[in-house]
Protein backbone atom coordinates (compact mmCIF):
# COMPACT_ATOMS: atom_id res chain seq x y z
CA MET A 1 67.78 80.04 113.74
CA ARG A 2 71.31 78.81 113.18
CA PRO A 3 72.14 78.38 109.47
CA ASP A 4 72.81 74.84 108.32
CA ILE A 5 76.49 74.89 107.35
CA PRO A 6 77.79 71.49 106.19
CA PRO A 7 80.86 70.45 108.22
CA ALA A 8 82.94 69.79 105.08
CA ALA A 9 82.20 73.27 103.73
CA ARG A 10 83.02 74.80 107.09
CA ARG A 11 86.36 72.96 107.27
CA LEU A 12 87.24 74.03 103.73
CA ALA A 13 86.50 77.68 104.48
CA ARG A 14 88.58 77.57 107.63
CA ALA A 15 91.48 75.76 105.96
CA ALA A 16 91.61 78.41 103.28
CA CYS A 17 92.24 80.95 106.04
CA LEU A 18 94.96 79.08 107.90
CA VAL A 19 97.83 79.99 105.60
CA PRO A 20 97.48 83.60 104.39
CA VAL A 21 98.57 83.99 100.81
CA LEU A 22 100.91 86.75 99.80
CA ALA A 23 98.22 88.08 97.51
CA LEU A 24 96.61 89.06 100.82
CA ALA A 25 93.16 87.65 100.27
CA ALA A 26 91.57 88.39 103.63
CA CYS A 27 91.39 85.43 105.99
CA GLY A 28 87.70 85.06 106.62
CA THR A 29 86.87 88.25 104.72
CA GLN A 30 84.74 88.10 101.64
CA PRO A 31 86.00 90.91 99.37
CA PRO A 32 83.46 93.40 98.13
CA ALA A 33 82.44 93.11 94.51
CA VAL A 34 85.06 94.37 92.06
CA PRO A 35 83.86 96.17 88.95
CA PRO A 36 84.16 93.98 85.85
CA ASP A 37 86.74 96.28 84.25
CA SER A 38 89.11 95.89 87.21
CA ALA A 39 91.93 93.42 86.74
CA ALA A 40 92.14 91.02 89.68
CA PRO A 41 95.52 91.02 91.43
CA LEU A 42 97.73 88.05 90.68
CA PRO A 43 98.88 85.83 93.55
CA GLN A 44 102.39 86.63 94.66
CA PRO A 45 105.05 84.15 93.47
CA GLY A 46 105.69 80.99 95.41
CA VAL A 47 102.25 80.67 96.98
CA GLU A 48 99.47 78.44 95.71
CA THR A 49 95.79 78.21 96.58
CA PRO A 50 93.43 76.72 97.53
CA LEU A 51 94.31 74.56 100.52
CA THR A 52 92.89 71.12 101.11
CA PRO A 53 90.32 70.88 103.94
CA LEU A 54 91.56 69.81 107.35
CA PRO A 55 90.56 66.39 108.65
CA ALA A 56 87.39 66.40 110.74
CA SER A 57 89.28 65.36 113.89
CA ASP A 58 91.30 68.58 113.66
CA GLU A 59 88.28 70.83 114.06
CA SER A 60 87.62 72.76 117.25
CA PRO A 61 84.97 70.97 119.34
CA LEU A 62 83.06 74.27 119.46
CA ALA A 63 83.04 74.81 115.67
CA ASP A 64 79.29 74.20 115.39
CA LEU A 65 78.53 76.62 118.22
CA PHE A 66 80.55 79.44 116.61
CA ALA A 67 79.61 78.57 113.00
CA PRO A 68 77.06 81.43 112.54
CA ALA A 69 79.56 84.07 113.70
CA VAL A 70 82.31 82.61 111.52
CA ALA A 71 79.98 82.48 108.51
CA ALA A 72 79.19 86.19 108.98
CA LEU A 73 82.91 86.97 109.14
CA ASP A 74 83.50 84.96 105.98
CA ARG A 75 81.12 87.23 104.10
CA GLY A 76 82.65 90.37 105.64
CA ASP A 77 79.72 91.22 107.92
CA TRP A 78 81.23 92.05 111.30
CA MET A 79 77.95 93.35 112.74
CA ASP A 80 76.16 90.04 112.12
CA ALA A 81 79.21 88.23 113.49
CA GLN A 82 78.99 90.22 116.70
CA LEU A 83 75.28 89.51 117.03
CA ALA A 84 75.83 85.81 116.35
CA LEU A 85 78.47 85.35 119.05
CA PRO A 86 77.24 82.72 121.50
CA THR A 87 77.06 83.57 125.18
CA PRO A 88 78.19 81.17 127.88
CA ALA A 89 75.70 79.78 130.33
CA ALA A 90 75.15 82.16 133.23
CA ASP A 91 75.82 79.54 135.94
CA THR A 92 79.04 78.06 134.50
CA GLU A 93 82.55 79.27 133.87
CA PRO A 94 83.27 79.25 130.11
CA SER A 95 85.91 76.75 129.05
CA ALA A 96 89.33 77.78 127.77
CA GLU A 97 88.27 76.68 124.28
CA PHE A 98 85.15 78.88 124.45
CA ARG A 99 87.16 81.92 125.58
CA ALA A 100 89.79 81.35 122.90
CA TYR A 101 87.18 80.97 120.16
CA ALA A 102 85.34 84.10 121.31
CA ALA A 103 88.65 85.99 121.35
CA LEU A 104 89.47 84.81 117.83
CA VAL A 105 86.09 85.99 116.53
CA ALA A 106 86.50 89.31 118.35
CA ALA A 107 89.95 89.73 116.81
CA ARG A 108 88.62 89.04 113.34
CA ILE A 109 85.83 91.55 113.90
CA ALA A 110 88.43 94.12 114.92
CA GLU A 111 90.52 93.27 111.85
CA LEU A 112 87.55 93.77 109.54
CA ARG A 113 86.95 97.17 111.14
CA GLY A 114 90.61 98.16 110.93
CA ASP A 115 90.87 98.29 114.73
CA LEU A 116 94.43 96.99 115.13
CA ALA A 117 94.59 97.82 118.84
CA GLY A 118 91.34 95.93 119.40
CA LEU A 119 92.72 92.97 117.49
CA GLU A 120 95.82 92.78 119.69
CA GLU A 121 93.77 93.25 122.84
CA ALA A 122 91.39 90.42 121.91
CA LEU A 123 94.18 87.98 121.11
CA ALA A 124 96.16 88.86 124.24
CA ALA A 125 93.29 87.98 126.56
CA ALA A 126 92.77 84.41 125.36
CA PRO A 127 94.14 81.22 127.01
CA TRP A 128 95.92 79.96 123.89
CA THR A 129 98.03 77.32 125.61
CA ALA A 130 94.83 75.46 126.54
CA ALA A 131 93.11 76.02 123.19
CA SER A 132 92.78 73.45 120.42
CA THR A 133 95.34 73.15 117.65
CA ASP A 134 92.70 74.39 115.23
CA LEU A 135 92.27 77.72 117.05
CA ARG A 136 96.00 78.24 117.55
CA ARG A 137 96.55 77.84 113.81
CA GLN A 138 93.79 80.30 113.00
CA ARG A 139 95.22 82.82 115.47
CA LEU A 140 98.69 82.63 113.88
CA ALA A 141 97.20 82.91 110.39
CA LEU A 142 95.36 86.09 111.38
CA GLU A 143 98.53 87.61 112.84
CA ARG A 144 100.51 86.61 109.78
CA ARG A 145 98.07 88.33 107.47
CA GLY A 146 98.67 91.56 109.36
CA ALA A 147 102.44 91.17 109.09
CA LEU A 148 102.20 90.65 105.34
CA LEU A 149 100.00 93.71 104.91
CA ARG A 150 102.62 95.76 106.75
CA GLY A 151 105.35 94.32 104.53
CA ASP A 152 107.02 92.68 107.54
CA HIS A 153 108.21 89.44 105.96
CA LEU A 154 110.49 88.55 108.87
CA GLU A 155 107.60 88.61 111.33
CA SER A 156 105.50 86.64 108.84
CA ALA A 157 108.26 84.00 108.68
CA ARG A 158 108.47 83.84 112.48
CA LEU A 159 104.72 83.26 112.72
CA ALA A 160 104.86 80.58 110.02
CA ASP A 161 107.71 78.90 111.90
CA ARG A 162 105.51 78.78 115.01
CA ALA A 163 102.59 77.40 113.02
CA LEU A 164 104.42 74.58 111.20
CA PRO A 165 104.54 72.18 114.19
CA LEU A 166 100.76 72.50 114.50
CA TYR A 167 100.28 70.62 111.22
CA PRO A 168 100.77 66.87 110.92
CA ALA A 169 103.51 65.61 108.61
CA GLY A 170 102.22 64.99 105.11
CA ASP A 171 99.37 67.49 105.40
CA PRO A 172 99.27 69.51 102.16
CA ALA A 173 98.57 72.62 104.24
CA ARG A 174 101.88 72.10 106.05
CA ASP A 175 103.76 71.84 102.75
CA LEU A 176 102.12 75.01 101.49
CA LEU A 177 102.95 76.85 104.71
CA ALA A 178 106.60 75.77 104.42
CA ARG A 179 106.80 77.13 100.86
CA SER A 180 105.18 80.37 101.98
CA LEU A 181 107.69 80.72 104.83
CA TRP A 182 110.50 80.16 102.33
CA GLN A 183 109.04 82.91 100.13
CA ASP A 184 109.03 85.28 103.11
CA LEU A 185 112.71 84.65 103.76
CA GLN A 186 113.58 85.54 100.17
CA TYR A 187 112.55 89.13 100.94
CA LEU A 188 115.21 89.53 103.65
CA ASP A 189 118.31 91.46 102.73
CA ALA A 190 121.72 90.88 104.36
CA ARG A 191 121.03 93.34 107.19
CA GLU A 192 117.64 91.85 108.00
CA LEU A 193 119.04 88.33 107.81
CA ALA A 194 121.79 89.19 110.30
CA ALA A 195 119.28 90.79 112.68
CA ALA A 196 116.96 87.78 112.43
CA ARG A 197 119.58 85.29 113.62
CA GLY A 198 119.83 86.81 117.09
CA SER A 199 116.22 86.13 118.10
CA ALA A 200 115.47 83.09 115.93
CA THR A 201 114.29 79.76 117.29
CA SER A 202 116.43 76.74 116.48
CA THR A 203 114.04 75.78 113.69
CA LEU A 204 114.01 79.28 112.21
CA ARG A 205 117.82 79.38 112.38
CA GLY A 206 117.75 76.29 110.17
CA TRP A 207 115.56 78.13 107.67
CA LEU A 208 117.87 81.15 107.74
CA ALA A 209 120.90 78.92 107.20
CA ARG A 210 119.10 77.28 104.28
CA LEU A 211 118.69 80.74 102.77
CA GLU A 212 122.45 81.19 103.03
CA VAL A 213 122.89 77.93 101.11
CA ALA A 214 120.52 79.18 98.40
CA ARG A 215 122.52 82.41 98.13
CA GLY A 216 125.83 80.56 97.85
CA GLU A 217 127.04 81.70 101.27
CA ARG A 218 127.10 78.26 102.92
CA ALA A 219 127.80 74.71 101.75
CA GLU A 220 124.77 72.44 101.57
CA ALA A 221 126.71 69.56 103.10
CA ASP A 222 127.39 71.68 106.18
CA TRP A 223 123.71 72.60 106.40
CA LEU A 224 122.59 68.96 106.16
CA ARG A 225 125.02 68.00 108.92
CA ARG A 226 123.83 70.76 111.25
CA TYR A 227 120.10 70.50 110.51
CA PRO A 228 119.15 66.88 109.82
CA ASP A 229 115.42 66.26 109.27
CA HIS A 230 114.71 69.99 109.00
CA PRO A 231 111.49 70.87 107.10
CA ALA A 232 113.48 73.21 104.82
CA ALA A 233 115.18 70.17 103.28
CA ALA A 234 112.02 69.60 101.23
CA ILE A 235 112.35 73.02 99.56
CA PRO A 236 114.17 72.67 96.22
CA LEU A 237 117.12 75.01 95.78
CA PRO A 238 118.05 76.69 92.49
CA ALA A 239 120.13 74.42 90.30
CA ALA A 240 123.82 75.09 90.88
CA ASP A 241 124.65 74.55 87.22
CA ARG A 242 122.52 77.44 85.95
CA ALA A 243 125.21 79.55 84.35
CA SER A 244 124.76 83.21 83.49
CA PRO A 245 124.55 84.05 79.77
CA ARG A 246 127.98 84.47 78.19
CA ARG A 247 126.83 87.04 75.64
CA ILE A 248 124.06 89.61 76.17
CA ALA A 249 122.50 91.92 73.61
CA LEU A 250 120.94 95.16 74.88
CA LEU A 251 118.30 96.53 72.49
CA LEU A 252 117.49 100.23 72.91
CA PRO A 253 116.24 103.11 70.72
CA LEU A 254 119.38 105.23 71.09
CA GLY A 255 118.34 107.62 68.33
CA GLY A 256 115.23 109.76 67.90
CA ARG A 257 112.81 111.10 70.50
CA LEU A 258 113.53 108.34 73.04
CA ALA A 259 117.30 108.77 72.90
CA ALA A 260 117.59 110.35 76.38
CA ALA A 261 115.46 107.67 78.04
CA ALA A 262 117.29 104.87 76.25
CA SER A 263 120.67 106.38 77.15
CA ALA A 264 119.67 106.50 80.83
CA VAL A 265 118.82 102.78 80.77
CA ARG A 266 122.09 102.07 78.94
CA ASP A 267 124.13 104.02 81.50
CA GLY A 268 122.60 102.13 84.40
CA PHE A 269 123.15 98.81 82.65
CA LEU A 270 126.79 99.65 81.86
CA ALA A 271 127.51 100.86 85.40
CA ALA A 272 126.30 97.53 86.80
CA HIS A 273 128.11 95.63 84.06
CA TYR A 274 131.52 97.13 84.77
CA ALA A 275 131.02 96.98 88.54
CA GLY A 276 131.03 93.20 88.25
CA GLY A 277 134.80 92.92 87.78
CA THR A 278 136.53 91.09 84.96
CA ASP A 279 134.36 87.97 85.05
CA ARG A 280 131.47 89.39 83.10
CA PRO A 281 129.63 88.34 79.92
CA ASP A 282 130.23 89.87 76.53
CA LEU A 283 127.88 92.76 75.86
CA VAL A 284 126.68 94.19 72.57
CA ILE A 285 124.40 97.23 72.42
CA ILE A 286 122.06 97.41 69.42
CA ASP A 287 120.28 100.61 68.41
CA THR A 288 116.79 99.48 67.38
CA VAL A 289 116.33 102.72 65.42
CA ARG A 290 118.90 101.45 62.91
CA HIS A 291 116.76 98.42 62.08
CA ASP A 292 113.49 98.12 60.21
CA SER A 293 111.73 96.85 63.35
CA ALA A 294 112.41 95.70 66.87
CA ALA A 295 111.94 92.12 65.68
CA ALA A 296 114.65 92.68 63.06
CA ALA A 297 116.97 94.01 65.78
CA TYR A 298 116.24 90.88 67.82
CA ARG A 299 117.12 88.64 64.89
CA ALA A 300 120.38 90.56 64.43
CA ALA A 301 121.21 89.93 68.09
CA VAL A 302 120.53 86.20 67.67
CA GLU A 303 122.71 86.05 64.56
CA GLY A 304 125.45 87.80 66.54
CA GLY A 305 125.53 84.97 69.07
CA ALA A 306 123.55 86.51 71.93
CA GLU A 307 122.39 84.04 74.57
CA LEU A 308 120.02 86.58 76.13
CA VAL A 309 118.35 89.66 74.67
CA VAL A 310 117.54 92.53 77.05
CA GLY A 311 115.00 94.98 75.65
CA PRO A 312 113.47 96.55 73.67
CA LEU A 313 112.12 99.55 75.59
CA THR A 314 108.69 100.58 74.28
CA LYS A 315 105.42 98.66 74.55
CA THR A 316 105.06 98.53 70.78
CA ALA A 317 108.57 97.22 70.29
CA VAL A 318 108.13 94.63 73.05
CA ALA A 319 104.93 93.39 71.42
CA ASP A 320 106.79 93.19 68.09
CA VAL A 321 109.57 91.04 69.55
CA LEU A 322 107.45 88.80 71.76
CA GLY A 323 104.85 88.37 69.02
CA GLN A 324 107.23 86.43 66.77
CA ALA A 325 106.39 82.83 66.01
CA ALA A 326 109.54 81.58 67.71
CA LEU A 327 112.09 83.01 70.14
CA PRO A 328 115.28 80.95 69.80
CA VAL A 329 116.97 83.16 72.42
CA PRO A 330 115.17 84.23 75.63
CA VAL A 331 114.10 87.86 76.08
CA LEU A 332 114.07 90.13 79.11
CA ALA A 333 111.83 92.91 77.78
CA LEU A 334 112.04 96.37 79.36
CA ASN A 335 108.33 97.09 79.19
CA ARG A 336 105.04 95.22 79.40
CA ALA A 337 103.02 94.37 76.34
CA GLU A 338 99.37 93.41 76.45
CA GLY A 339 98.59 89.76 76.98
CA PRO A 340 100.70 86.92 78.44
CA ALA A 341 104.37 86.67 77.54
CA PRO A 342 105.65 83.63 75.66
CA ALA A 343 107.61 81.02 77.60
CA ALA A 344 110.93 82.51 76.48
CA GLY A 345 110.00 86.07 77.45
CA LEU A 346 110.01 87.96 80.75
CA GLN A 347 108.76 91.55 81.03
CA PHE A 348 110.31 94.14 83.34
CA ALA A 349 108.91 97.66 83.64
CA LEU A 350 108.48 100.47 86.14
CA ALA A 351 104.78 99.69 86.16
CA PRO A 352 102.69 102.07 88.32
CA GLU A 353 100.16 99.26 88.84
CA ASP A 354 102.66 97.48 91.11
CA GLU A 355 102.95 100.62 93.20
CA ALA A 356 99.18 101.06 93.42
CA ARG A 357 98.83 97.55 94.81
CA GLU A 358 101.64 98.26 97.27
CA ILE A 359 100.03 101.38 98.74
CA ALA A 360 96.71 99.53 99.03
CA ARG A 361 98.39 96.80 101.07
CA ARG A 362 100.26 99.28 103.26
CA ALA A 363 97.07 101.24 104.02
CA LEU A 364 95.25 98.02 104.93
CA GLY A 365 98.16 97.05 107.17
CA ALA A 366 97.87 100.40 108.96
CA GLY A 367 94.21 99.66 109.78
CA HIS A 368 92.51 101.84 107.18
CA ARG A 369 89.36 100.49 105.56
CA ARG A 370 87.36 103.31 103.87
CA ALA A 371 89.13 105.34 101.22
CA LEU A 372 88.75 108.41 99.08
CA LEU A 373 90.42 107.84 95.70
CA LEU A 374 91.75 110.90 93.85
CA ARG A 375 92.63 109.94 90.29
CA PRO A 376 93.23 111.63 86.95
CA ALA A 377 91.08 111.06 83.91
CA GLY A 378 92.60 109.13 81.01
CA ASP A 379 94.28 105.78 80.35
CA TRP A 380 96.99 106.15 83.01
CA GLY A 381 94.42 106.94 85.68
CA ASP A 382 92.18 104.07 84.52
CA LYS A 383 94.84 101.36 84.75
CA VAL A 384 96.39 102.55 88.02
CA ALA A 385 93.00 103.05 89.68
CA ALA A 386 91.89 99.57 88.55
CA ALA A 387 94.98 97.96 90.09
CA LEU A 388 94.50 99.86 93.35
CA ARG A 389 90.78 99.12 93.49
CA ALA A 390 91.33 95.38 93.03
CA ALA A 391 94.01 95.19 95.73
CA TRP A 392 92.10 97.44 98.14
CA THR A 393 88.71 95.77 97.90
CA GLY A 394 90.28 92.33 97.64
CA GLY A 395 91.96 92.96 100.99
CA GLY A 396 88.75 94.06 102.70
CA GLY A 397 88.79 97.81 102.04
CA THR A 398 85.96 99.93 100.65
CA LEU A 399 86.17 102.82 98.21
CA ALA A 400 83.80 105.27 99.88
CA ALA A 401 84.27 107.93 97.17
CA THR A 402 86.18 108.58 93.96
CA ALA A 403 87.12 111.99 92.59
CA THR A 404 88.28 112.18 88.98
CA PHE A 405 90.04 115.31 87.77
CA ALA A 406 90.88 116.30 84.21
CA SER A 407 93.22 119.21 84.92
CA ARG A 408 94.71 121.30 87.72
CA GLU A 409 91.77 123.70 87.46
CA THR A 410 89.36 120.91 88.41
CA HIS A 411 91.30 119.65 91.47
CA SER A 412 89.40 121.71 94.03
CA ASP A 413 85.92 121.02 92.67
CA ALA A 414 86.60 117.27 92.44
CA ILE A 415 87.74 117.10 96.06
CA GLU A 416 84.90 119.32 97.29
CA GLN A 417 82.26 117.12 95.67
CA ALA A 418 83.86 113.86 96.80
CA LEU A 419 83.92 115.09 100.40
CA HIS A 420 80.26 116.26 100.11
CA LEU A 421 81.27 119.81 100.96
CA ASP A 422 78.92 121.07 98.24
CA ARG A 423 76.07 119.45 100.17
CA SER A 424 77.36 120.98 103.41
CA ALA A 425 77.37 124.41 101.76
CA ALA A 426 73.78 123.90 100.56
CA ARG A 427 72.64 122.93 104.05
CA GLY A 428 74.43 125.99 105.47
CA ALA A 429 72.73 128.28 102.98
CA ALA A 430 69.32 126.84 103.86
CA LEU A 431 70.02 127.26 107.58
CA ARG A 432 71.11 130.87 107.14
CA GLY A 433 67.90 131.53 105.25
CA LEU A 434 65.85 130.15 108.13
CA LEU A 435 67.76 132.14 110.72
CA ASP A 436 67.58 135.28 108.58
CA ARG A 437 70.88 136.59 109.91
CA GLY A 438 74.53 136.73 108.83
CA THR A 439 75.42 133.44 110.51
CA VAL A 440 78.89 132.11 109.65
CA LEU A 441 78.92 128.32 109.34
CA ALA A 442 82.07 126.24 108.82
CA GLY A 443 81.99 123.56 106.18
CA ARG A 444 81.74 119.94 107.30
CA ARG A 445 83.15 117.08 105.24
CA ARG A 446 81.83 113.54 105.23
CA GLU A 447 83.11 111.46 108.17
CA ASP A 448 83.09 107.96 106.65
CA ILE A 449 86.62 108.17 105.15
CA ASP A 450 89.82 107.23 107.00
CA VAL A 451 92.45 107.37 104.22
CA VAL A 452 93.11 109.06 100.87
CA PHE A 453 94.75 107.49 97.82
CA MET A 454 96.15 110.31 95.72
CA LEU A 455 97.08 109.03 92.26
CA ALA A 456 98.89 112.19 91.22
CA PRO A 457 100.51 111.71 87.78
CA GLY A 458 103.38 114.07 88.70
CA THR A 459 104.87 116.28 91.39
CA ASP A 460 103.02 119.40 90.22
CA ALA A 461 99.67 117.65 90.61
CA ALA A 462 100.68 116.30 94.02
CA LYS A 463 101.68 119.78 95.22
CA SER A 464 98.27 121.05 94.15
CA LEU A 465 96.15 118.19 95.54
CA LYS A 466 97.78 117.68 98.94
CA PRO A 467 97.21 121.27 100.24
CA LEU A 468 93.67 121.25 98.85
CA LEU A 469 92.81 118.32 101.09
CA ALA A 470 93.69 120.45 104.11
CA TYR A 471 91.77 123.41 102.67
CA HIS A 472 88.71 121.18 102.33
CA TYR A 473 88.84 120.00 105.99
CA ALA A 474 90.56 116.66 105.21
CA GLY A 475 94.08 117.55 106.31
CA ASP A 476 93.88 115.04 109.18
CA LEU A 477 93.52 112.05 106.84
CA PRO A 478 96.63 110.03 105.92
CA VAL A 479 97.45 110.32 102.20
CA TYR A 480 99.16 107.60 100.15
CA ALA A 481 100.60 108.03 96.65
CA THR A 482 102.71 106.21 94.08
CA SER A 483 106.22 107.35 93.18
CA ALA A 484 104.73 109.42 90.34
CA ALA A 485 103.98 112.06 93.01
CA ASN A 486 107.75 112.48 93.30
CA SER A 487 108.47 112.61 89.58
CA ALA A 488 110.58 115.74 90.16
CA GLU A 489 112.67 113.74 92.66
CA VAL A 490 112.21 116.24 95.49
CA SER A 491 114.90 115.66 98.12
CA HIS A 492 114.47 118.76 100.30
CA GLU A 493 111.70 119.89 102.61
CA ASP A 494 108.52 120.82 100.75
CA ARG A 495 105.60 122.21 102.73
CA ASP A 496 103.08 121.31 100.04
CA LEU A 497 104.06 117.62 100.27
CA ALA A 498 104.54 117.44 104.05
CA GLY A 499 103.08 114.25 105.51
CA LEU A 500 102.60 112.54 102.14
CA ARG A 501 103.29 108.79 102.24
CA LEU A 502 104.43 107.21 99.01
CA VAL A 503 106.28 104.17 97.75
CA GLU A 504 109.61 105.06 96.19
CA LEU A 505 112.52 103.35 94.46
CA PRO A 506 115.29 102.26 96.86
CA TRP A 507 117.63 103.95 94.34
CA LEU A 508 116.16 107.33 95.31
CA LEU A 509 116.27 106.53 99.03
CA GLY A 510 120.03 106.03 99.18
CA ALA A 511 120.47 102.41 98.10
CA GLN A 512 123.61 101.28 96.22
CA PRO A 513 125.59 104.52 96.64
CA THR A 514 128.64 103.28 94.70
CA LEU A 515 126.63 102.53 91.58
CA ARG A 516 124.71 105.78 91.94
CA GLU A 517 127.97 107.71 91.99
CA ALA A 518 129.14 105.88 88.88
CA VAL A 519 125.93 106.66 87.02
CA ALA A 520 125.96 110.27 88.25
CA ALA A 521 129.10 110.83 86.24
CA SER A 522 126.98 110.72 83.09
CA GLU A 523 125.76 114.00 81.67
CA LEU A 524 122.13 112.90 81.66
CA ARG A 525 119.89 114.99 83.88
CA GLY A 526 116.14 115.49 84.13
CA ALA A 527 112.96 114.13 85.63
CA SER A 528 112.58 110.34 85.50
CA LEU A 529 116.03 109.72 84.02
CA SER A 530 117.48 108.53 87.32
CA ARG A 531 114.58 106.06 87.57
CA LEU A 532 115.45 104.74 84.13
CA GLN A 533 119.08 104.44 85.19
CA ALA A 534 117.87 102.31 88.08
CA LEU A 535 115.86 100.26 85.60
CA GLY A 536 119.09 99.65 83.68
CA VAL A 537 120.93 98.60 86.84
CA ASP A 538 118.24 96.06 87.70
CA ALA A 539 117.97 94.85 84.10
CA HIS A 540 121.63 93.85 84.36
CA ARG A 541 121.08 92.08 87.68
CA LEU A 542 118.08 90.22 86.28
CA ALA A 543 120.04 89.29 83.17
CA LEU A 544 122.75 87.60 85.24
CA SER A 545 120.06 85.77 87.27
CA HIS A 546 117.96 84.92 84.23
CA GLY A 547 118.39 81.16 84.54
CA ALA A 548 116.85 81.22 88.02
CA LEU A 549 113.90 83.44 87.09
CA GLU A 550 110.77 81.32 86.74
CA PRO A 551 107.15 82.45 86.56
CA GLY A 552 105.70 81.95 90.02
CA GLY A 553 109.12 81.09 91.45
CA ALA A 554 110.30 81.94 94.95
CA LEU A 555 113.37 83.99 94.01
CA VAL A 556 113.37 87.63 95.15
CA VAL A 557 115.96 89.94 93.60
CA HIS A 558 116.85 92.91 95.82
CA GLY A 559 117.18 95.68 93.28
CA ALA A 560 117.50 99.41 92.78
CA THR A 561 113.83 99.62 91.71
CA GLY A 562 112.44 97.42 94.51
CA ARG A 563 112.30 93.79 95.54
CA LEU A 564 111.65 91.92 92.33
CA THR A 565 109.66 88.72 91.79
CA VAL A 566 108.23 87.00 88.74
CA ASN A 567 104.48 86.51 88.61
CA LEU A 568 102.66 83.74 86.78
CA ARG A 569 102.40 85.84 83.61
CA GLY A 570 106.16 86.26 83.36
CA GLU A 571 106.03 89.88 84.56
CA ILE A 572 108.65 91.18 86.97
CA GLU A 573 106.71 92.72 89.86
CA ARG A 574 108.19 95.28 92.22
CA SER A 575 107.63 95.64 95.96
CA LEU A 576 108.77 99.10 97.09
CA PRO A 577 109.57 100.62 100.47
CA LEU A 578 107.29 103.22 101.99
CA ALA A 579 108.64 106.76 102.37
CA ILE A 580 107.29 110.00 103.81
CA PHE A 581 107.88 113.70 103.26
CA ASP A 582 108.76 115.42 106.55
CA SER A 583 110.83 118.36 107.75
CA GLY A 584 114.01 116.74 106.42
CA GLY A 585 112.64 115.96 102.99
CA LEU A 586 111.85 112.48 101.72
CA ARG A 587 112.93 109.62 103.97
CA ALA A 588 112.19 105.92 104.31
CA ASP A 589 109.28 105.41 106.69
């Protein structure tokens, strides 16, 4: 019996799928339950939910017929969706709308299963030109979700550009889609922007030109003359009168046990500061160790005329500064404290949680759906695993197994148990007993896993875990890791890490060579220090852009530590490129 699904509820569910959010909530996919101790991922900046329902006249005329299959997809049950697919009458040719709707459901089934080839095949076979506007929008939304999971913001923008004309003027969903397209464009760097112009439609060229206006590369009057009545005109640009701070105070613990780390941040900040030519703000560097507290150092900076305070560096010091009753001067903290930041405070850190969410999205975009999670015990493992779990399950993935290790000595046992090789060995022993002969039986791992997340806290752990996967019959599975797996900054070929996919700082993949050469002149050497130098470089860039940084805003800063956005909690989030270890060492994937 067909379930009774109210039309209004059905329209609302479908509308919520038509514009995929950058947080990558699956279109039509109900995420599996997330453990209560897992922090839910924040929506990416510049995108709001939910959408308003579409008007009833906009619905496909076959919506009722396909409602049971769509309802099954909405709860993530592709098997029920397949069983619920209607069949055309045997004596009639199915209509174009029927074939398009069946193809859309088949594509969504393939997407749930991680069958990317099947998804493309299903969509390619449908008569979209004869399909309803409703189905064409849903098809583009499904394709756009895949582009976002792959980190392909240009393709996402192209798909949004194709979808915009399918919405009537004044529809809130159209306005939301336009803002989401604008957010996609913010991720394009100069090279990508130049490449996009060659194949852009006339409407998309208008969007790209609008981006040039926002970046100060084109006059707005010229844009308005060339693109009258363009939908991008409704997107507010950053205020032109937002001046950079004229005096910046940099608060760092330059003495004591954190002196080397603080000096690395300082060197990166200074390199960026002096690379800016003569038109740069005044800069004062304050050693927080010389003050009674970080809050006292902040007050000294305010009394010294600072218009922006960058720092302090440690979580405790950040909490001390941001916890004050009033912040007369805004703060760009260089770590994240617990709880939301005050209105005058932004928090920038090399947070591994951002990287965990990134590898979850990339694995989903590659079609993987069932994961083995290798994670260390302890607080670091808890917080990074929670971030990954929320992003992975929220995007439609399943954690098939988790292996927690406390030390290098427990790596092998943890992997063996997670892959059920201990059970395989027990079955082999029982079989040998029945055969009563010296039969040699190879181990057999579980077959319900298609990807491994390896949360190695350092390079040594990564070089131990990665070969053990091959030893335990899982060498064919793709393995994803955060940049912590490259804490030693390996640049040459390393057989133990061969094939490992990880997200890495652009700074360590060859970005900004001039600044890197300037920073390399410092005498600081050692693991993680170059990452902190990159943090200093980006702290300077964010300081100069501080007036345009708004929680949930669309601005994307292309930095040495990644592409930087501000989430709704005032935290600077990083999106990092994917890299892989191969015969030539670490390279961008």
